[in-house]
Amino acid sequence: MVETVALVVAAGRGRRFGGDLPKQYALLGGATVLRHTLMAFVNDAEVDGVRCVIHPDDRALYDAASAGLDVMEPVPGGATRQESVRLGLESLKDTPPRHVLIHDAARPFVDTSLIRGVLDALGDHGGALPAVAVADTLKRGQDGHVADTVTREGLYRAQTPQGFRFADILKAHQTVKGQELTDDAQVLEHTGLRVALTPGSDDNFKITTHEDLMRAERLLASQSEVRTAQGYDVHRFGDGTAVTLCGIEIAHDRGLEGHSDADVALHALTDALLGAVGAGDIGEHFPPTDNRWKGASSDQFAQHAAALIRARGGEIVNVDVTIICQSPKIGPHRTTMTARVAEILDISQDRVSVKATTTEGLGFTGRQEGIAAQALAAVRLPF
């Protein structure tokens, strides 16, 4: 049996947030809020699977936000959050996990300690949720005036992820179908089971307004850094009828010489990615003296570099590749190249730039003796 699945609820419209996009697809540090949230669970050793519940109209947005992440196929949500959660739970019943964590997509700063605290509490309780004690004085208002001061003793601000034994919370949601309850903990409480409180965090706030998003930007900047690095490579022309650039074969009157497929653009990009995480260069990982790489497709070199970045909890913010040659003409192939690089790195196409230039007939590229390429990569890494 699978131990723990995280169910991320992202089907809402976020009307209070405003704008053209639901808040979970707003950009936060160059990536969507949803991507940050999904990554928190994907990178947690205690979580075996991550499933997102999305609005049926948002599939393209979701695919871009989750590109390259090891997540389960998403499921469509319903008209309310409660219905969306129930539909998400029902999608898991054929291969039910022991525990399920239900989390708001707009809480991108959930961390390992919160997740661990909730899961640990499930050993003795039917449910658990992280919470923060209310610190402010509370007032009850009426007609624009203070009507009463409410004691804050014993009051908490509930957060997510809220954790449950899967069978219990699925049955509870099916039992209260049609009722309007505030959160999943209240759904479970209707069955008579108790929900434990575990330590929450002020950083685990829910993004509801643009002011919240600005706060999230400041917090993200304090918890991570963006590194940039460059790569450069050159291959001379030799015999052949095509060249491979950015993973795309282009007919030409000559080929490029090299131990692998001589994809000069992907070689430069691989070095840029490796450089951003201080992981050496392409020759250290794929030495030209190793016959395993003779004639090899260079997409696996770039994929290896991207995997190293993700293994360190990082993400590729964007890449920029410039191909330097007199021929072949790159313009007709740029769109295809951009799509292929995005596919290789498992990132969205809007994070990829491919362009070309000549040297006005100067130098070895100007004399059409070969092709050069340079690349820049920006990578976000946690401190």
Protein backbone atom coordinates (compact mmCIF):
# COMPACT_ATOMS: atom_id res chain seq x y z
CA MET A 1 0.00 0.00 0.00
CA VAL A 2 1.15 3.53 -0.78
CA GLU A 3 1.81 5.31 2.50
CA THR A 4 1.10 9.00 1.78
CA VAL A 5 -0.36 10.99 -1.10
CA ALA A 6 -0.59 14.79 -1.14
CA LEU A 7 -3.80 16.14 -2.68
CA VAL A 8 -3.26 19.74 -3.79
CA VAL A 9 -6.50 21.63 -4.35
CA ALA A 10 -6.12 24.09 -7.23
CA ALA A 11 -9.58 24.28 -8.80
CA GLY A 12 -10.59 27.66 -7.36
CA ARG A 13 -11.02 30.89 -9.31
CA GLY A 14 -9.47 33.20 -6.68
CA ARG A 15 -11.94 36.03 -7.27
CA ARG A 16 -10.57 38.13 -4.40
CA PHE A 17 -7.14 38.04 -6.05
CA GLY A 18 -8.43 39.61 -9.27
CA GLY A 19 -6.62 39.67 -12.60
CA ASP A 20 -6.85 37.40 -15.61
CA LEU A 21 -5.44 34.28 -13.95
CA PRO A 22 -6.40 32.37 -10.80
CA LYS A 23 -3.90 33.12 -8.04
CA GLN A 24 -2.35 29.64 -8.13
CA TYR A 25 -1.05 30.45 -11.62
CA ALA A 26 0.36 33.86 -10.70
CA LEU A 27 4.13 34.13 -11.03
CA LEU A 28 6.21 33.97 -7.88
CA GLY A 29 9.94 34.34 -8.41
CA GLY A 30 9.68 33.35 -12.07
CA ALA A 31 7.56 30.23 -11.47
CA THR A 32 3.89 29.86 -10.70
CA VAL A 33 2.61 29.71 -7.14
CA LEU A 34 1.27 26.24 -7.90
CA ARG A 35 4.66 24.99 -9.07
CA HIS A 36 6.28 26.08 -5.80
CA THR A 37 3.55 24.25 -3.89
CA LEU A 38 3.86 21.06 -5.92
CA MET A 39 7.64 21.07 -5.59
CA ALA A 40 7.40 21.19 -1.79
CA PHE A 41 5.59 17.85 -1.79
CA VAL A 42 7.48 16.27 -4.71
CA ASN A 43 10.77 16.90 -2.89
CA ASP A 44 9.53 15.59 0.49
CA ALA A 45 10.78 12.09 1.28
CA GLU A 46 7.64 11.26 3.29
CA VAL A 47 5.29 11.88 0.35
CA ASP A 48 4.93 9.03 -2.15
CA GLY A 49 2.66 10.74 -4.67
CA VAL A 50 1.22 14.15 -5.50
CA ARG A 51 -2.13 14.68 -7.23
CA CYS A 52 -3.61 18.04 -8.12
CA VAL A 53 -7.31 18.87 -8.40
CA ILE A 54 -7.74 21.52 -11.08
CA HIS A 55 -10.47 23.47 -12.82
CA PRO A 56 -11.38 21.79 -16.13
CA ASP A 57 -10.54 25.00 -18.02
CA ASP A 58 -7.03 25.20 -16.57
CA ARG A 59 -5.39 22.11 -18.06
CA ALA A 60 -2.95 24.05 -20.24
CA LEU A 61 -2.00 26.30 -17.31
CA TYR A 62 -1.53 23.27 -15.09
CA ASP A 63 0.62 21.44 -17.64
CA ALA A 64 2.94 24.44 -17.89
CA ALA A 65 3.09 24.84 -14.10
CA SER A 66 3.88 21.17 -13.47
CA ALA A 67 6.24 20.54 -16.39
CA GLY A 68 9.08 18.25 -15.36
CA LEU A 69 7.67 17.42 -11.94
CA ASP A 70 6.99 13.83 -10.88
CA VAL A 71 3.27 14.23 -10.21
CA MET A 72 0.21 12.09 -10.84
CA GLU A 73 -2.36 12.84 -13.53
CA PRO A 74 -4.58 15.73 -12.34
CA VAL A 75 -8.33 15.36 -11.87
CA PRO A 76 -11.06 17.96 -12.47
CA GLY A 77 -12.61 19.63 -9.45
CA GLY A 78 -16.15 20.68 -8.68
CA ALA A 79 -18.15 23.82 -8.01
CA THR A 80 -16.88 24.18 -4.42
CA ARG A 81 -13.65 23.39 -2.63
CA GLN A 82 -15.39 20.69 -0.63
CA GLU A 83 -16.64 19.02 -3.79
CA SER A 84 -13.20 19.29 -5.36
CA VAL A 85 -11.60 17.56 -2.38
CA ARG A 86 -14.16 14.76 -2.50
CA LEU A 87 -13.56 14.23 -6.21
CA GLY A 88 -9.82 14.17 -5.59
CA LEU A 89 -10.20 11.61 -2.84
CA GLU A 90 -12.46 9.43 -4.94
CA SER A 91 -9.84 9.44 -7.70
CA LEU A 92 -7.46 7.68 -5.29
CA LYS A 93 -9.76 4.93 -4.08
CA ASP A 94 -8.67 2.28 -6.61
CA THR A 95 -5.14 2.34 -5.18
CA PRO A 96 -5.81 3.93 -1.78
CA PRO A 97 -2.94 5.36 0.26
CA ARG A 98 -2.82 4.90 4.00
CA HIS A 99 -2.66 8.65 4.62
CA VAL A 100 -3.64 11.69 2.59
CA LEU A 101 -2.49 15.28 2.99
CA ILE A 102 -4.97 17.88 1.69
CA HIS A 103 -3.35 21.20 0.89
CA ASP A 104 -4.30 24.58 -0.56
CA ALA A 105 -2.47 25.32 -3.82
CA ALA A 106 -2.03 28.95 -2.75
CA ARG A 107 0.16 28.03 0.26
CA PRO A 108 3.57 27.69 -1.46
CA PHE A 109 5.74 27.79 1.67
CA VAL A 110 4.74 24.50 3.27
CA ASP A 111 7.90 22.82 4.49
CA THR A 112 9.16 19.46 5.70
CA SER A 113 8.67 20.20 9.40
CA LEU A 114 4.97 21.00 8.92
CA ILE A 115 4.43 17.88 6.83
CA ARG A 116 6.30 15.70 9.31
CA GLY A 117 4.37 17.11 12.26
CA VAL A 118 1.03 16.32 10.64
CA LEU A 119 2.04 12.78 9.63
CA ASP A 120 3.47 12.01 13.06
CA ALA A 121 0.19 13.04 14.71
CA LEU A 122 -1.77 10.60 12.55
CA GLY A 123 -0.29 7.73 14.54
CA ASP A 124 -2.65 8.51 17.41
CA HIS A 125 -5.37 10.65 15.85
CA GLY A 126 -7.86 10.40 13.02
CA GLY A 127 -6.76 13.75 11.62
CA ALA A 128 -4.22 16.51 12.18
CA LEU A 129 -3.68 20.06 11.01
CA PRO A 130 -0.99 22.70 11.51
CA ALA A 131 -2.21 25.76 13.38
CA VAL A 132 -0.88 29.04 14.73
CA ALA A 133 -2.19 30.47 17.99
CA VAL A 134 -4.04 33.78 17.60
CA ALA A 135 -1.82 36.56 18.93
CA ASP A 136 -3.90 39.67 18.19
CA THR A 137 -6.68 40.97 20.38
CA LEU A 138 -10.01 40.01 18.83
CA LYS A 139 -13.01 42.32 18.59
CA ARG A 140 -16.54 41.58 17.53
CA GLY A 141 -17.93 44.43 15.46
CA GLN A 142 -21.46 45.68 14.92
CA ASP A 143 -22.58 48.65 12.81
CA GLY A 144 -19.00 49.82 12.45
CA HIS A 145 -18.31 49.81 16.21
CA VAL A 146 -16.73 47.45 18.70
CA ALA A 147 -19.49 45.37 20.24
CA ASP A 148 -17.36 43.03 22.31
CA THR A 149 -13.82 41.87 23.03
CA VAL A 150 -13.39 38.19 22.36
CA THR A 151 -10.92 36.18 24.39
CA ARG A 152 -8.20 34.69 22.21
CA GLU A 153 -7.41 31.92 24.66
CA GLY A 154 -7.57 28.58 22.90
CA LEU A 155 -8.06 30.12 19.44
CA TYR A 156 -5.90 29.08 16.49
CA ARG A 157 -5.57 29.90 12.81
CA ALA A 158 -5.93 26.63 10.92
CA GLN A 159 -3.60 25.92 8.02
CA THR A 160 -2.95 23.14 5.55
CA PRO A 161 -1.81 20.47 4.83
CA GLN A 162 -4.48 18.75 6.84
CA GLY A 163 -3.70 15.07 7.21
CA PHE A 164 -6.05 12.10 7.55
CA ARG A 165 -6.29 8.38 7.32
CA PHE A 166 -7.51 8.01 3.78
CA ALA A 167 -10.42 5.66 4.40
CA ASP A 168 -11.77 7.87 7.19
CA ILE A 169 -11.69 11.17 5.30
CA LEU A 170 -13.10 9.65 2.10
CA LYS A 171 -16.05 8.20 4.00
CA ALA A 172 -16.54 11.48 5.87
CA HIS A 173 -16.62 13.54 2.66
CA GLN A 174 -19.09 11.17 1.06
CA THR A 175 -21.28 11.31 4.17
CA VAL A 176 -21.51 15.14 4.26
CA LYS A 177 -21.93 15.54 0.50
CA GLY A 178 -24.14 18.57 -0.14
CA GLN A 179 -23.36 20.30 3.16
CA GLU A 180 -21.18 23.42 3.29
CA LEU A 181 -18.37 23.00 5.84
CA THR A 182 -15.37 25.23 6.36
CA ASP A 183 -12.50 22.78 5.97
CA ASP A 184 -11.63 19.10 5.83
CA ALA A 185 -11.01 18.91 9.56
CA GLN A 186 -14.62 19.92 10.18
CA VAL A 187 -15.72 17.26 7.71
CA LEU A 188 -13.93 14.62 9.77
CA GLU A 189 -15.26 16.05 13.04
CA HIS A 190 -18.78 15.28 11.83
CA THR A 191 -17.92 11.59 12.10
CA GLY A 192 -16.94 11.94 15.75
CA LEU A 193 -13.20 11.58 15.19
CA ARG A 194 -10.86 14.07 16.82
CA VAL A 195 -8.36 16.25 14.98
CA ALA A 196 -4.98 17.02 16.51
CA LEU A 197 -3.29 20.42 16.35
CA THR A 198 0.35 20.48 15.26
CA PRO A 199 2.73 23.45 15.03
CA GLY A 200 1.99 25.73 12.10
CA SER A 201 4.10 28.54 10.69
CA ASP A 202 3.49 32.20 9.93
CA ASP A 203 5.35 31.59 6.65
CA ASN A 204 2.72 29.04 5.62
CA PHE A 205 0.22 31.75 4.74
CA LYS A 206 -2.36 31.56 1.98
CA ILE A 207 -1.96 33.93 -0.95
CA THR A 208 -5.32 35.66 -1.34
CA THR A 209 -4.51 39.21 -2.48
CA HIS A 210 -1.80 40.93 -4.49
CA GLU A 211 -0.38 42.21 -1.20
CA ASP A 212 0.01 38.57 -0.14
CA LEU A 213 1.86 37.87 -3.38
CA MET A 214 4.26 40.72 -2.69
CA ARG A 215 4.86 39.31 0.78
CA ALA A 216 5.53 35.92 -0.81
CA GLU A 217 8.08 37.47 -3.18
CA ARG A 218 9.96 38.94 -0.23
CA LEU A 219 9.89 35.65 1.64
CA LEU A 220 11.04 33.66 -1.37
CA ALA A 221 13.94 36.05 -1.92
CA SER A 222 15.04 35.48 1.67
CA GLN A 223 14.93 31.68 1.31
CA SER A 224 16.57 31.12 -2.07
CA GLU A 225 19.05 32.49 -4.54
CA VAL A 226 19.17 32.68 -8.31
CA ARG A 227 22.46 31.62 -9.87
CA THR A 228 23.46 32.29 -13.45
CA ALA A 229 26.15 30.60 -15.50
CA GLN A 230 27.29 30.52 -19.10
CA GLY A 231 28.45 27.84 -21.49
CA TYR A 232 30.34 28.02 -24.77
CA ASP A 233 31.20 25.39 -27.35
CA VAL A 234 32.56 25.06 -30.86
CA HIS A 235 32.48 22.26 -33.44
CA ARG A 236 34.15 22.26 -36.85
CA PHE A 237 32.43 21.22 -40.04
CA GLY A 238 33.19 17.83 -41.54
CA ASP A 239 31.62 15.36 -43.89
CA GLY A 240 27.87 14.90 -43.63
CA THR A 241 24.48 15.92 -44.91
CA ALA A 242 22.96 17.45 -41.78
CA VAL A 243 23.77 19.19 -38.50
CA THR A 244 22.01 18.72 -35.16
CA LEU A 245 21.29 21.90 -33.21
CA CYS A 246 19.13 22.13 -30.08
CA GLY A 247 18.10 18.52 -30.66
CA ILE A 248 16.81 19.24 -34.19
CA GLU A 249 18.40 17.77 -37.31
CA ILE A 250 18.81 20.34 -40.10
CA ALA A 251 19.75 19.39 -43.65
CA HIS A 252 23.09 20.92 -44.68
CA ASP A 253 25.89 20.27 -47.14
CA ARG A 254 28.23 19.34 -44.28
CA GLY A 255 27.99 17.85 -40.80
CA LEU A 256 29.67 18.76 -37.53
CA GLU A 257 32.54 16.75 -36.15
CA GLY A 258 32.38 15.50 -32.58
CA HIS A 259 32.52 12.47 -30.32
CA SER A 260 28.74 12.58 -29.76
CA ASP A 261 26.22 14.00 -32.23
CA ALA A 262 28.16 17.31 -32.04
CA ASP A 263 25.10 19.33 -31.03
CA VAL A 264 27.07 22.46 -30.23
CA ALA A 265 24.02 24.30 -28.88
CA LEU A 266 23.05 21.62 -26.37
CA HIS A 267 26.68 21.24 -25.32
CA ALA A 268 26.89 24.93 -24.47
CA LEU A 269 23.55 24.73 -22.67
CA THR A 270 24.64 21.69 -20.66
CA ASP A 271 27.76 23.53 -19.48
CA ALA A 272 25.66 26.54 -18.46
CA LEU A 273 23.30 24.35 -16.41
CA LEU A 274 26.15 22.46 -14.76
CA GLY A 275 27.94 25.72 -14.01
CA ALA A 276 24.91 27.15 -12.23
CA VAL A 277 25.17 24.44 -9.57
CA GLY A 278 28.96 24.19 -9.51
CA ALA A 279 28.92 20.71 -11.05
CA GLY A 280 31.87 21.01 -13.40
CA ASP A 281 31.55 20.76 -17.15
CA ILE A 282 30.23 18.40 -19.76
CA GLY A 283 33.63 16.72 -20.24
CA GLU A 284 33.71 15.60 -16.60
CA HIS A 285 30.30 13.93 -16.82
CA PHE A 286 30.58 12.62 -20.39
CA PRO A 287 34.29 12.29 -21.24
CA PRO A 288 35.09 12.10 -24.96
CA THR A 289 37.41 9.17 -24.20
CA ASP A 290 34.40 7.06 -23.13
CA ASN A 291 33.01 5.08 -26.04
CA ARG A 292 29.57 4.99 -24.41
CA TRP A 293 29.04 8.54 -25.68
CA LYS A 294 30.33 8.00 -29.22
CA GLY A 295 27.58 9.25 -31.52
CA ALA A 296 25.26 9.76 -28.52
CA SER A 297 22.33 12.13 -28.69
CA SER A 298 23.17 15.25 -26.70
CA ASP A 299 19.68 15.60 -25.24
CA GLN A 300 20.70 13.12 -22.54
CA PHE A 301 23.57 15.44 -21.52
CA ALA A 302 21.20 18.36 -20.96
CA GLN A 303 18.68 16.11 -19.20
CA HIS A 304 21.42 14.91 -16.86
CA ALA A 305 22.30 18.49 -15.93
CA ALA A 306 18.62 19.33 -15.34
CA ALA A 307 18.25 16.24 -13.11
CA LEU A 308 21.23 17.35 -11.00
CA ILE A 309 19.56 20.72 -10.48
CA ARG A 310 16.26 19.16 -9.39
CA ALA A 311 18.05 16.71 -7.10
CA ARG A 312 19.36 19.73 -5.19
CA GLY A 313 15.86 21.13 -4.81
CA GLY A 314 16.40 23.69 -7.55
CA GLU A 315 14.50 24.72 -10.64
CA ILE A 316 15.51 26.13 -13.99
CA VAL A 317 14.24 29.70 -14.20
CA ASN A 318 15.17 30.27 -17.84
CA VAL A 319 17.76 29.44 -20.49
CA ASP A 320 19.03 31.47 -23.43
CA VAL A 321 20.94 29.91 -26.35
CA THR A 322 22.69 31.83 -29.13
CA ILE A 323 23.93 29.92 -32.20
CA ILE A 324 26.74 31.61 -34.11
CA CYS A 325 27.07 30.63 -37.76
CA GLN A 326 26.83 31.83 -41.36
CA SER A 327 24.92 28.71 -42.37
CA PRO A 328 22.61 26.91 -42.12
CA LYS A 329 19.86 29.47 -41.59
CA ILE A 330 18.49 29.13 -38.04
CA GLY A 331 15.42 31.37 -38.32
CA PRO A 332 13.11 28.81 -39.96
CA HIS A 333 13.87 26.31 -37.17
CA ARG A 334 13.81 28.53 -34.07
CA THR A 335 10.27 27.68 -32.98
CA THR A 336 10.92 23.96 -33.30
CA MET A 337 14.23 24.31 -31.45
CA THR A 338 12.61 26.23 -28.63
CA ALA A 339 9.95 23.56 -28.22
CA ARG A 340 12.56 20.78 -28.29
CA VAL A 341 14.77 22.42 -25.63
CA ALA A 342 11.72 22.94 -23.41
CA GLU A 343 10.84 19.27 -23.86
CA ILE A 344 14.37 18.11 -23.07
CA LEU A 345 14.55 20.19 -19.88
CA ASP A 346 10.89 19.60 -18.92
CA ILE A 347 10.19 23.32 -18.60
CA SER A 348 7.66 25.56 -20.29
CA GLN A 349 8.55 27.13 -23.65
CA ASP A 350 8.31 30.65 -22.27
CA ARG A 351 11.44 29.88 -20.23
CA VAL A 352 13.48 29.09 -23.35
CA SER A 353 15.06 31.50 -25.82
CA VAL A 354 16.88 30.34 -28.95
CA LYS A 355 18.39 32.85 -31.34
CA ALA A 356 21.16 33.10 -33.88
CA THR A 357 23.68 35.57 -35.18
CA THR A 358 26.52 35.76 -37.66
CA THR A 359 29.97 37.30 -37.33
CA GLU A 360 29.60 39.30 -40.55
CA GLY A 361 31.99 36.96 -42.34
CA LEU A 362 34.73 37.34 -39.71
CA GLY A 363 36.53 34.54 -37.90
CA PHE A 364 36.18 30.78 -38.29
CA THR A 365 32.36 30.91 -38.22
CA GLY A 366 32.44 33.69 -40.80
CA ARG A 367 34.66 31.54 -43.01
CA GLN A 368 32.11 28.74 -42.49
CA GLU A 369 34.66 26.44 -40.90
CA GLY A 370 32.33 25.53 -38.06
CA ILE A 371 29.54 26.57 -35.68
CA ALA A 372 29.81 28.09 -32.20
CA ALA A 373 27.16 28.45 -29.53
CA GLN A 374 26.89 30.21 -26.22
CA ALA A 375 24.25 29.73 -23.54
CA LEU A 376 23.12 31.31 -20.32
CA ALA A 377 21.11 29.58 -17.62
CA ALA A 378 19.41 30.95 -14.52
CA VAL A 379 18.68 28.48 -11.74
CA ARG A 380 16.86 29.03 -8.46
CA LEU A 381 18.28 27.10 -5.51
CA PRO A 382 17.20 27.00 -1.86
CA PHE A 383 19.69 28.21 0.72
